[in-house]
């Protein structure tokens, strides 16, 4: 898709999306559902799980940059959503590819380094932002990770700081020297 086509997409306020999802999580007995359903991992629900991750990343990026970032949930071969923001009177569109470092419930053998190494499949994607949702408990030691030469615009990590998912950390761009860390509360938490 081109910038012209991106400008015609339906952009949503990620904060509103996240507040609605939080309301569902707090009022519905999700703990009574099978893990795959409650975590939006079934084939039928996967796009909603990815939409939540896109909304989270765009919301936190907006907070980090001090701007209003909106999101269009449209999946193409190289990206899962498009972020839109205005800066200095210029409309900006950013394709975002979401990846997930899945929880132990999904894959005990998942390795973050393998996920990073797999990003070399994106060629000639200098405008693409890759955001990796860290969905595992524990600490990530950046000094233990290596970053191959990637043909993407930026690489960010984000994840909840605890099981209640009220506080989140976002870090990036890890492809540049001195990546920045930001900590935010989930909207309405």
N, C-alpha and C. Protein backbone atom coordinates (compact mmCIF):
# COMPACT_ATOMS: atom_id res chain seq x y z
N UNK A 1 0.85 -1.19 0.00
CA UNK A 1 0.00 0.00 0.00
C UNK A 1 0.88 1.24 0.00
N UNK A 2 0.33 2.31 -0.48
CA UNK A 2 1.06 3.57 -0.55
C UNK A 2 0.51 4.54 0.50
N UNK A 3 1.21 5.63 0.66
CA UNK A 3 0.76 6.67 1.59
C UNK A 3 -0.63 7.14 1.20
N UNK A 4 -0.88 7.24 -0.08
CA UNK A 4 -2.21 7.65 -0.54
C UNK A 4 -3.28 6.68 -0.06
N UNK A 5 -3.00 5.38 -0.16
CA UNK A 5 -3.97 4.37 0.31
C UNK A 5 -4.07 4.38 1.83
N UNK A 6 -2.94 4.56 2.51
CA UNK A 6 -2.96 4.62 3.98
C UNK A 6 -3.80 5.79 4.47
N UNK A 7 -3.80 6.89 3.72
CA UNK A 7 -4.55 8.07 4.16
C UNK A 7 -6.06 7.83 4.13
N UNK A 8 -6.50 6.80 3.43
CA UNK A 8 -7.93 6.51 3.32
C UNK A 8 -8.42 5.47 4.34
N UNK A 9 -7.51 4.94 5.16
CA UNK A 9 -7.88 3.91 6.12
C UNK A 9 -8.68 4.51 7.28
N UNK A 10 -9.38 3.65 7.99
CA UNK A 10 -10.15 4.04 9.17
C UNK A 10 -9.23 3.96 10.40
N UNK A 11 -8.88 5.11 10.95
CA UNK A 11 -7.97 5.15 12.11
C UNK A 11 -8.78 5.27 13.40
N UNK A 12 -8.32 4.53 14.40
CA UNK A 12 -9.01 4.46 15.68
C UNK A 12 -8.12 5.01 16.79
N UNK A 13 -8.76 5.48 17.84
CA UNK A 13 -8.05 5.95 19.02
C UNK A 13 -7.65 4.72 19.84
N UNK A 14 -6.35 4.42 19.97
CA UNK A 14 -5.95 3.22 20.71
C UNK A 14 -6.36 3.25 22.18
N UNK A 15 -6.41 4.43 22.78
CA UNK A 15 -6.82 4.51 24.18
C UNK A 15 -8.25 4.03 24.36
N UNK A 16 -9.14 4.45 23.47
CA UNK A 16 -10.54 4.01 23.53
C UNK A 16 -10.66 2.50 23.37
N UNK A 17 -9.89 1.95 22.43
CA UNK A 17 -9.89 0.50 22.24
C UNK A 17 -9.45 -0.22 23.50
N UNK A 18 -8.36 0.26 24.11
CA UNK A 18 -7.81 -0.39 25.29
C UNK A 18 -8.73 -0.25 26.50
N UNK A 19 -9.39 0.89 26.63
CA UNK A 19 -10.35 1.05 27.72
C UNK A 19 -11.51 0.06 27.57
N UNK A 20 -11.98 -0.13 26.35
CA UNK A 20 -13.06 -1.09 26.11
C UNK A 20 -12.63 -2.51 26.42
N UNK A 21 -11.43 -2.86 26.02
CA UNK A 21 -10.92 -4.19 26.31
C UNK A 21 -10.71 -4.39 27.81
N UNK A 22 -10.27 -3.35 28.50
CA UNK A 22 -10.07 -3.44 29.95
C UNK A 22 -11.42 -3.66 30.65
N UNK A 23 -12.45 -2.98 30.17
CA UNK A 23 -13.79 -3.15 30.74
C UNK A 23 -14.25 -4.60 30.59
N UNK A 24 -14.01 -5.18 29.42
CA UNK A 24 -14.38 -6.59 29.21
C UNK A 24 -13.60 -7.48 30.16
N UNK A 25 -12.30 -7.24 30.28
CA UNK A 25 -11.46 -8.08 31.15
C UNK A 25 -11.89 -8.00 32.61
N UNK A 26 -12.36 -6.83 33.03
CA UNK A 26 -12.73 -6.65 34.44
C UNK A 26 -14.15 -7.11 34.76
N UNK A 27 -15.01 -7.18 33.76
CA UNK A 27 -16.41 -7.50 34.03
C UNK A 27 -16.85 -8.88 33.57
N UNK A 28 -16.03 -9.53 32.77
CA UNK A 28 -16.40 -10.85 32.26
C UNK A 28 -15.55 -11.94 32.93
N UNK A 29 -16.10 -13.12 33.11
CA UNK A 29 -15.37 -14.20 33.78
C UNK A 29 -14.36 -14.87 32.84
N UNK A 30 -13.36 -14.11 32.38
CA UNK A 30 -12.39 -14.65 31.42
C UNK A 30 -11.59 -15.80 32.00
N UNK A 31 -11.41 -15.79 33.34
CA UNK A 31 -10.64 -16.87 33.97
C UNK A 31 -11.35 -18.22 33.87
N UNK A 32 -12.62 -18.22 33.52
CA UNK A 32 -13.37 -19.47 33.36
C UNK A 32 -13.26 -20.03 31.94
N UNK A 33 -12.69 -19.24 31.05
CA UNK A 33 -12.55 -19.67 29.66
C UNK A 33 -11.24 -20.42 29.45
N UNK A 34 -11.16 -21.26 28.44
CA UNK A 34 -9.88 -21.89 28.11
C UNK A 34 -8.84 -20.81 27.80
N UNK A 35 -7.58 -21.09 28.11
CA UNK A 35 -6.50 -20.12 27.93
C UNK A 35 -6.48 -19.56 26.51
N UNK A 36 -6.63 -20.42 25.50
CA UNK A 36 -6.55 -19.98 24.11
C UNK A 36 -7.64 -18.97 23.77
N UNK A 37 -8.80 -19.11 24.38
CA UNK A 37 -9.91 -18.18 24.12
C UNK A 37 -9.70 -16.89 24.90
N UNK A 38 -9.41 -16.99 26.19
CA UNK A 38 -9.23 -15.81 27.03
C UNK A 38 -8.07 -14.95 26.56
N UNK A 39 -7.04 -15.58 25.97
CA UNK A 39 -5.87 -14.82 25.51
C UNK A 39 -5.95 -14.50 24.02
N UNK A 40 -7.10 -14.71 23.41
CA UNK A 40 -7.37 -14.37 22.01
C UNK A 40 -6.39 -15.08 21.06
N UNK A 41 -6.17 -16.37 21.30
CA UNK A 41 -5.20 -17.13 20.50
C UNK A 41 -5.83 -18.13 19.53
N UNK A 42 -7.15 -18.26 19.55
CA UNK A 42 -7.76 -19.17 18.58
C UNK A 42 -7.69 -18.52 17.20
N UNK A 43 -7.85 -19.33 16.18
CA UNK A 43 -7.78 -18.80 14.82
C UNK A 43 -8.82 -17.70 14.60
N UNK A 44 -10.00 -17.89 15.16
CA UNK A 44 -11.07 -16.92 14.98
C UNK A 44 -10.82 -15.62 15.75
N UNK A 45 -10.10 -15.71 16.87
CA UNK A 45 -9.89 -14.53 17.73
C UNK A 45 -8.52 -13.88 17.56
N UNK A 46 -7.64 -14.52 16.80
CA UNK A 46 -6.25 -14.03 16.67
C UNK A 46 -6.17 -12.57 16.22
N UNK A 47 -7.01 -12.19 15.28
CA UNK A 47 -6.93 -10.80 14.79
C UNK A 47 -7.26 -9.79 15.89
N UNK A 48 -8.09 -10.19 16.87
CA UNK A 48 -8.40 -9.31 17.99
C UNK A 48 -7.20 -9.20 18.94
N UNK A 49 -6.50 -10.31 19.13
CA UNK A 49 -5.29 -10.27 19.94
C UNK A 49 -4.22 -9.40 19.31
N UNK A 50 -4.06 -9.52 18.00
CA UNK A 50 -3.11 -8.67 17.29
C UNK A 50 -3.55 -7.21 17.31
N UNK A 51 -4.85 -6.99 17.21
CA UNK A 51 -5.38 -5.62 17.28
C UNK A 51 -5.09 -4.99 18.63
N UNK A 52 -5.20 -5.78 19.69
CA UNK A 52 -4.89 -5.28 21.04
C UNK A 52 -3.41 -4.91 21.12
N UNK A 53 -2.54 -5.76 20.58
CA UNK A 53 -1.11 -5.47 20.61
C UNK A 53 -0.79 -4.21 19.81
N UNK A 54 -1.43 -4.04 18.66
CA UNK A 54 -1.23 -2.82 17.86
C UNK A 54 -1.69 -1.60 18.64
N UNK A 55 -2.85 -1.70 19.27
CA UNK A 55 -3.37 -0.57 20.06
C UNK A 55 -2.43 -0.25 21.22
N UNK A 56 -1.94 -1.28 21.91
CA UNK A 56 -1.00 -1.05 23.01
C UNK A 56 0.24 -0.32 22.53
N UNK A 57 0.84 -0.82 21.48
CA UNK A 57 2.08 -0.20 20.99
C UNK A 57 1.84 1.24 20.55
N UNK A 58 0.78 1.49 19.79
CA UNK A 58 0.51 2.85 19.32
C UNK A 58 0.18 3.79 20.48
N UNK A 59 -0.55 3.30 21.47
CA UNK A 59 -0.86 4.12 22.64
C UNK A 59 0.42 4.51 23.37
N UNK A 60 1.28 3.52 23.63
CA UNK A 60 2.52 3.80 24.35
C UNK A 60 3.47 4.68 23.53
N UNK A 61 3.52 4.48 22.22
CA UNK A 61 4.37 5.33 21.38
C UNK A 61 3.87 6.77 21.42
N UNK A 62 2.58 6.95 21.38
CA UNK A 62 2.03 8.29 21.48
C UNK A 62 2.42 8.96 22.78
N UNK A 63 2.33 8.21 23.88
CA UNK A 63 2.74 8.75 25.18
C UNK A 63 4.23 9.07 25.19
N UNK A 64 5.06 8.17 24.65
CA UNK A 64 6.51 8.37 24.63
C UNK A 64 6.89 9.60 23.81
N UNK A 65 6.20 9.80 22.69
CA UNK A 65 6.54 10.91 21.80
C UNK A 65 5.77 12.19 22.12
N UNK A 66 4.78 12.09 23.01
CA UNK A 66 3.99 13.26 23.36
C UNK A 66 3.07 13.72 22.23
N UNK A 67 2.57 12.78 21.44
CA UNK A 67 1.69 13.10 20.33
C UNK A 67 0.50 12.14 20.33
N UNK A 68 -0.52 12.47 19.56
CA UNK A 68 -1.69 11.62 19.42
C UNK A 68 -1.44 10.66 18.26
N UNK A 69 -1.27 9.39 18.57
CA UNK A 69 -1.06 8.36 17.55
C UNK A 69 -2.35 7.55 17.43
N UNK A 70 -2.81 7.39 16.22
CA UNK A 70 -4.00 6.58 15.95
C UNK A 70 -3.55 5.33 15.19
N UNK A 71 -4.43 4.34 15.15
CA UNK A 71 -4.06 3.06 14.55
C UNK A 71 -5.14 2.56 13.61
N UNK A 72 -4.71 2.05 12.46
CA UNK A 72 -5.60 1.36 11.52
C UNK A 72 -5.23 -0.11 11.57
N UNK A 73 -6.19 -0.94 11.89
CA UNK A 73 -5.96 -2.38 12.01
C UNK A 73 -6.15 -3.03 10.65
N UNK A 74 -5.08 -3.10 9.89
CA UNK A 74 -5.11 -3.68 8.55
C UNK A 74 -3.88 -4.53 8.39
N UNK A 75 -4.10 -5.78 8.06
CA UNK A 75 -2.97 -6.71 7.95
C UNK A 75 -2.60 -6.92 6.49
N UNK A 76 -1.33 -6.71 6.20
CA UNK A 76 -0.76 -6.98 4.87
C UNK A 76 0.43 -7.91 5.08
N UNK A 77 1.11 -8.26 4.03
CA UNK A 77 2.17 -9.26 4.13
C UNK A 77 3.30 -8.83 5.06
N UNK A 78 3.65 -7.55 5.08
CA UNK A 78 4.78 -7.11 5.90
C UNK A 78 4.40 -6.31 7.13
N UNK A 79 3.11 -6.07 7.36
CA UNK A 79 2.73 -5.31 8.55
C UNK A 79 1.33 -5.70 9.02
N UNK A 80 1.11 -5.43 10.32
CA UNK A 80 -0.16 -5.79 10.96
C UNK A 80 -1.08 -4.60 11.19
N UNK A 81 -0.52 -3.40 11.17
CA UNK A 81 -1.32 -2.20 11.36
C UNK A 81 -0.52 -1.01 10.83
N UNK A 82 -1.20 0.12 10.73
CA UNK A 82 -0.56 1.35 10.32
C UNK A 82 -0.86 2.41 11.37
N UNK A 83 0.18 3.07 11.84
CA UNK A 83 0.02 4.17 12.79
C UNK A 83 -0.06 5.48 12.01
N UNK A 84 -0.86 6.39 12.53
CA UNK A 84 -0.99 7.71 11.93
C UNK A 84 -0.80 8.76 13.02
N UNK A 85 -0.03 9.79 12.70
CA UNK A 85 0.09 10.94 13.59
C UNK A 85 0.44 12.15 12.75
N UNK A 86 0.10 13.30 13.31
CA UNK A 86 0.42 14.56 12.65
C UNK A 86 1.52 15.24 13.44
N UNK A 87 2.52 15.75 12.73
CA UNK A 87 3.60 16.49 13.37
C UNK A 87 3.98 17.65 12.46
N UNK A 88 3.96 18.84 13.02
CA UNK A 88 4.31 20.06 12.28
C UNK A 88 3.47 20.21 11.01
N UNK A 89 2.19 19.85 11.12
CA UNK A 89 1.28 20.00 9.99
C UNK A 89 1.44 18.94 8.91
N UNK A 90 2.27 17.93 9.15
CA UNK A 90 2.50 16.88 8.17
C UNK A 90 1.88 15.58 8.67
N UNK A 91 1.10 14.92 7.80
CA UNK A 91 0.52 13.63 8.13
C UNK A 91 1.58 12.55 7.97
N UNK A 92 1.76 11.73 9.00
CA UNK A 92 2.75 10.66 8.98
C UNK A 92 2.06 9.31 9.12
N UNK A 93 2.50 8.35 8.32
CA UNK A 93 1.97 7.00 8.34
C UNK A 93 3.13 6.03 8.53
N UNK A 94 2.98 5.10 9.47
CA UNK A 94 4.06 4.17 9.78
C UNK A 94 3.50 2.75 9.80
N UNK A 95 3.98 1.89 8.89
CA UNK A 95 3.56 0.49 8.96
C UNK A 95 4.26 -0.20 10.13
N UNK A 96 3.51 -1.03 10.85
CA UNK A 96 4.05 -1.69 12.03
C UNK A 96 3.83 -3.21 11.92
N UNK A 97 4.91 -3.93 12.09
CA UNK A 97 4.85 -5.39 12.15
C UNK A 97 4.97 -5.80 13.61
N UNK A 98 3.96 -6.52 14.09
CA UNK A 98 3.98 -6.98 15.48
C UNK A 98 4.52 -8.38 15.55
N UNK A 99 5.35 -8.61 16.53
CA UNK A 99 5.84 -9.95 16.86
C UNK A 99 5.58 -10.15 18.34
N UNK A 100 5.55 -11.40 18.75
CA UNK A 100 5.30 -11.68 20.16
C UNK A 100 6.30 -12.71 20.66
N UNK A 101 6.98 -12.37 21.74
CA UNK A 101 7.78 -13.33 22.49
C UNK A 101 6.79 -13.99 23.42
N UNK A 102 6.27 -15.13 22.99
CA UNK A 102 5.11 -15.74 23.63
C UNK A 102 5.41 -16.27 25.02
N UNK A 103 4.34 -16.39 25.81
CA UNK A 103 4.45 -16.89 27.17
C UNK A 103 4.78 -18.39 27.17
N UNK A 104 5.21 -18.84 28.32
CA UNK A 104 5.53 -20.25 28.48
C UNK A 104 4.30 -21.13 28.26
N UNK A 105 3.11 -20.57 28.48
CA UNK A 105 1.87 -21.32 28.23
C UNK A 105 1.72 -21.70 26.77
N UNK A 106 2.31 -20.90 25.90
CA UNK A 106 2.19 -21.11 24.46
C UNK A 106 3.36 -21.94 23.93
N UNK A 107 4.58 -21.59 24.34
CA UNK A 107 5.76 -22.28 23.83
C UNK A 107 6.89 -22.19 24.86
N UNK A 108 7.17 -23.30 25.50
CA UNK A 108 8.25 -23.34 26.50
C UNK A 108 9.62 -23.10 25.90
N UNK A 109 9.78 -23.38 24.62
CA UNK A 109 11.09 -23.30 23.97
C UNK A 109 11.32 -22.00 23.21
N UNK A 110 10.44 -21.03 23.33
CA UNK A 110 10.59 -19.76 22.60
C UNK A 110 11.86 -19.05 23.05
N UNK A 111 12.59 -18.53 22.08
CA UNK A 111 13.83 -17.79 22.35
C UNK A 111 13.73 -16.41 21.70
N UNK A 112 13.98 -15.38 22.48
CA UNK A 112 13.90 -14.02 21.95
C UNK A 112 14.94 -13.80 20.85
N UNK A 113 16.13 -14.35 21.02
CA UNK A 113 17.16 -14.18 19.99
C UNK A 113 16.71 -14.77 18.65
N UNK A 114 16.04 -15.90 18.69
CA UNK A 114 15.53 -16.51 17.45
C UNK A 114 14.50 -15.61 16.78
N UNK A 115 13.67 -14.99 17.59
CA UNK A 115 12.67 -14.06 17.06
C UNK A 115 13.36 -12.87 16.38
N UNK A 116 14.37 -12.33 17.03
CA UNK A 116 15.13 -11.21 16.46
C UNK A 116 15.83 -11.63 15.17
N UNK A 117 16.46 -12.79 15.18
CA UNK A 117 17.17 -13.27 13.99
C UNK A 117 16.22 -13.45 12.81
N UNK A 118 14.97 -13.82 13.09
CA UNK A 118 13.98 -14.02 12.04
C UNK A 118 13.54 -12.74 11.35
N UNK A 119 13.91 -11.59 11.91
CA UNK A 119 13.51 -10.32 11.31
C UNK A 119 14.29 -10.01 10.03
N UNK A 120 15.34 -10.79 9.75
CA UNK A 120 16.11 -10.54 8.53
C UNK A 120 15.32 -10.87 7.27
N UNK A 121 14.14 -11.46 7.42
CA UNK A 121 13.30 -11.74 6.25
C UNK A 121 12.68 -10.46 5.67
N UNK A 122 12.67 -9.40 6.45
CA UNK A 122 12.13 -8.13 5.95
C UNK A 122 13.23 -7.40 5.21
N UNK A 123 13.11 -7.40 3.91
CA UNK A 123 14.13 -6.75 3.08
C UNK A 123 13.54 -5.49 2.48
N UNK A 124 14.37 -4.49 2.38
CA UNK A 124 13.94 -3.23 1.77
C UNK A 124 12.70 -2.66 2.46
N UNK A 125 12.71 -2.68 3.79
CA UNK A 125 11.57 -2.20 4.57
C UNK A 125 12.01 -1.11 5.53
N UNK A 126 12.67 -0.09 5.02
CA UNK A 126 13.26 0.94 5.87
C UNK A 126 12.23 1.80 6.58
N UNK A 127 10.98 1.77 6.16
CA UNK A 127 9.94 2.52 6.86
C UNK A 127 9.20 1.66 7.89
N UNK A 128 9.46 0.35 7.87
CA UNK A 128 8.75 -0.59 8.74
C UNK A 128 9.27 -0.52 10.17
N UNK A 129 8.35 -0.42 11.12
CA UNK A 129 8.68 -0.51 12.54
C UNK A 129 8.25 -1.89 13.01
N UNK A 130 9.16 -2.60 13.65
CA UNK A 130 8.83 -3.89 14.23
C UNK A 130 8.74 -3.69 15.74
N UNK A 131 7.63 -4.13 16.32
CA UNK A 131 7.41 -4.04 17.76
C UNK A 131 7.24 -5.45 18.29
N UNK A 132 8.08 -5.80 19.26
CA UNK A 132 8.01 -7.14 19.85
C UNK A 132 7.35 -7.03 21.22
N UNK A 133 6.20 -7.70 21.34
CA UNK A 133 5.48 -7.76 22.61
C UNK A 133 6.13 -8.84 23.47
N UNK A 134 6.72 -8.43 24.58
CA UNK A 134 7.37 -9.36 25.50
C UNK A 134 6.29 -9.91 26.43
N UNK A 135 5.84 -11.11 26.16
CA UNK A 135 4.73 -11.70 26.88
C UNK A 135 5.21 -12.85 27.76
N UNK A 136 6.34 -12.64 28.42
CA UNK A 136 6.88 -13.62 29.35
C UNK A 136 7.29 -12.92 30.63
N UNK A 137 7.19 -13.64 31.73
CA UNK A 137 7.67 -13.11 33.01
C UNK A 137 9.20 -13.17 33.01
N UNK A 138 9.81 -12.25 33.70
CA UNK A 138 11.26 -12.28 33.82
C UNK A 138 11.88 -11.02 33.29
N UNK A 139 13.19 -11.00 33.31
CA UNK A 139 13.97 -9.85 32.88
C UNK A 139 14.69 -10.17 31.58
N UNK A 140 14.65 -9.25 30.66
CA UNK A 140 15.39 -9.38 29.41
C UNK A 140 16.73 -8.67 29.60
N UNK A 141 17.81 -9.37 29.36
CA UNK A 141 19.15 -8.78 29.46
C UNK A 141 19.60 -8.39 28.05
N UNK A 142 19.54 -7.11 27.77
CA UNK A 142 19.88 -6.62 26.44
C UNK A 142 21.32 -6.98 26.06
N UNK A 143 22.20 -7.03 27.04
CA UNK A 143 23.61 -7.34 26.76
C UNK A 143 23.78 -8.77 26.25
N UNK A 144 22.80 -9.63 26.46
CA UNK A 144 22.88 -11.01 26.00
C UNK A 144 22.27 -11.20 24.61
N UNK A 145 21.70 -10.13 24.05
CA UNK A 145 21.09 -10.20 22.73
C UNK A 145 22.02 -9.61 21.68
N UNK A 146 21.98 -10.16 20.50
CA UNK A 146 22.72 -9.55 19.39
C UNK A 146 21.70 -9.15 18.33
N UNK A 147 22.02 -8.08 17.65
CA UNK A 147 21.10 -7.54 16.65
C UNK A 147 21.79 -7.56 15.30
N UNK A 148 21.36 -8.47 14.43
CA UNK A 148 21.97 -8.53 13.10
C UNK A 148 21.61 -7.27 12.31
N UNK A 149 22.28 -7.08 11.22
CA UNK A 149 21.92 -5.96 10.35
C UNK A 149 20.53 -6.23 9.78
N UNK A 150 19.63 -5.32 10.07
CA UNK A 150 18.24 -5.47 9.64
C UNK A 150 17.85 -4.33 8.72
N UNK A 151 17.04 -4.61 7.73
CA UNK A 151 16.56 -3.59 6.79
C UNK A 151 15.17 -3.12 7.18
N UNK A 152 15.06 -2.66 8.43
CA UNK A 152 13.81 -2.11 8.93
C UNK A 152 14.10 -0.73 9.52
N UNK A 153 13.05 0.03 9.73
CA UNK A 153 13.22 1.39 10.24
C UNK A 153 13.53 1.44 11.72
N UNK A 154 12.93 0.56 12.51
CA UNK A 154 13.12 0.60 13.96
C UNK A 154 12.67 -0.72 14.57
N UNK A 155 13.22 -1.00 15.75
CA UNK A 155 12.85 -2.19 16.51
C UNK A 155 12.60 -1.76 17.95
N UNK A 156 11.40 -2.05 18.42
CA UNK A 156 10.98 -1.70 19.78
C UNK A 156 10.52 -2.94 20.51
N UNK A 157 10.63 -2.90 21.83
CA UNK A 157 10.10 -3.94 22.70
C UNK A 157 9.07 -3.29 23.62
N UNK A 158 8.04 -4.04 23.98
CA UNK A 158 7.10 -3.55 25.00
C UNK A 158 6.49 -4.73 25.72
N UNK A 159 6.17 -4.51 27.00
CA UNK A 159 5.57 -5.58 27.78
C UNK A 159 5.10 -5.08 29.13
N UNK A 160 4.21 -5.86 29.72
CA UNK A 160 3.67 -5.53 31.05
C UNK A 160 4.73 -5.82 32.10
N UNK A 161 4.74 -5.01 33.15
CA UNK A 161 5.70 -5.18 34.24
C UNK A 161 5.24 -6.19 35.28
N UNK A 162 4.01 -6.66 35.19
CA UNK A 162 3.49 -7.63 36.14
C UNK A 162 2.24 -8.28 35.61
N UNK A 163 1.77 -9.32 36.30
CA UNK A 163 0.61 -10.06 35.80
C UNK A 163 -0.68 -9.26 35.74
N UNK A 164 -0.80 -8.19 36.53
CA UNK A 164 -2.04 -7.40 36.49
C UNK A 164 -2.08 -6.46 35.28
N UNK A 165 -0.97 -6.32 34.59
CA UNK A 165 -0.86 -5.53 33.35
C UNK A 165 -1.29 -4.07 33.52
N UNK A 166 -1.04 -3.50 34.69
CA UNK A 166 -1.38 -2.09 34.88
C UNK A 166 -0.21 -1.18 34.50
N UNK A 167 1.02 -1.64 34.66
CA UNK A 167 2.19 -0.84 34.32
C UNK A 167 2.95 -1.56 33.21
N UNK A 168 3.34 -0.80 32.20
CA UNK A 168 4.01 -1.34 31.02
C UNK A 168 5.30 -0.58 30.75
N UNK A 169 6.26 -1.27 30.15
CA UNK A 169 7.51 -0.63 29.73
C UNK A 169 7.63 -0.77 28.22
N UNK A 170 8.12 0.28 27.59
CA UNK A 170 8.41 0.27 26.16
C UNK A 170 9.85 0.73 26.00
N UNK A 171 10.58 0.06 25.11
CA UNK A 171 11.99 0.37 24.93
C UNK A 171 12.34 0.37 23.45
N UNK A 172 13.09 1.36 23.04
CA UNK A 172 13.56 1.39 21.66
C UNK A 172 14.18 2.72 21.32
N UNK A 173 14.50 2.87 20.19
CA UNK A 173 14.76 1.96 19.11
C UNK A 173 16.06 1.22 19.43
N UNK A 174 16.01 -0.09 19.56
CA UNK A 174 17.19 -0.86 19.98
C UNK A 174 18.21 -1.02 18.86
N UNK A 175 17.89 -0.60 17.65
CA UNK A 175 18.86 -0.64 16.56
C UNK A 175 19.78 0.58 16.57
N UNK A 176 19.48 1.54 17.41
CA UNK A 176 20.29 2.76 17.54
C UNK A 176 21.03 2.72 18.87
N UNK A 177 22.11 3.47 18.97
CA UNK A 177 22.78 3.55 20.28
C UNK A 177 21.87 4.19 21.32
N UNK A 178 22.01 3.76 22.55
CA UNK A 178 21.26 4.33 23.68
C UNK A 178 19.75 4.31 23.50
N UNK A 179 19.16 3.12 23.37
CA UNK A 179 17.70 3.07 23.28
C UNK A 179 17.08 3.64 24.55
N UNK A 180 15.88 4.16 24.42
CA UNK A 180 15.20 4.81 25.54
C UNK A 180 14.18 3.87 26.15
N UNK A 181 13.97 4.02 27.45
CA UNK A 181 12.98 3.26 28.20
C UNK A 181 11.90 4.21 28.67
N UNK A 182 10.66 3.77 28.56
CA UNK A 182 9.53 4.54 29.04
C UNK A 182 8.63 3.59 29.84
N UNK A 183 8.00 4.13 30.86
CA UNK A 183 7.09 3.33 31.66
C UNK A 183 5.76 4.07 31.73
N UNK A 184 4.66 3.35 31.47
CA UNK A 184 3.34 3.94 31.44
C UNK A 184 2.34 3.02 32.12
N UNK A 185 1.26 3.62 32.57
CA UNK A 185 0.14 2.84 33.10
C UNK A 185 -0.83 2.54 31.96
N UNK A 186 -1.43 1.38 32.03
CA UNK A 186 -2.47 1.02 31.09
C UNK A 186 -3.58 2.06 31.25
N UNK A 187 -4.21 2.52 30.17
CA UNK A 187 -5.25 3.54 30.33
C UNK A 187 -6.37 3.05 31.24
N UNK A 188 -6.76 3.91 32.15
CA UNK A 188 -7.83 3.60 33.08
C UNK A 188 -7.41 2.75 34.27
N UNK A 189 -6.15 2.34 34.31
CA UNK A 189 -5.68 1.49 35.43
C UNK A 189 -5.26 2.33 36.62
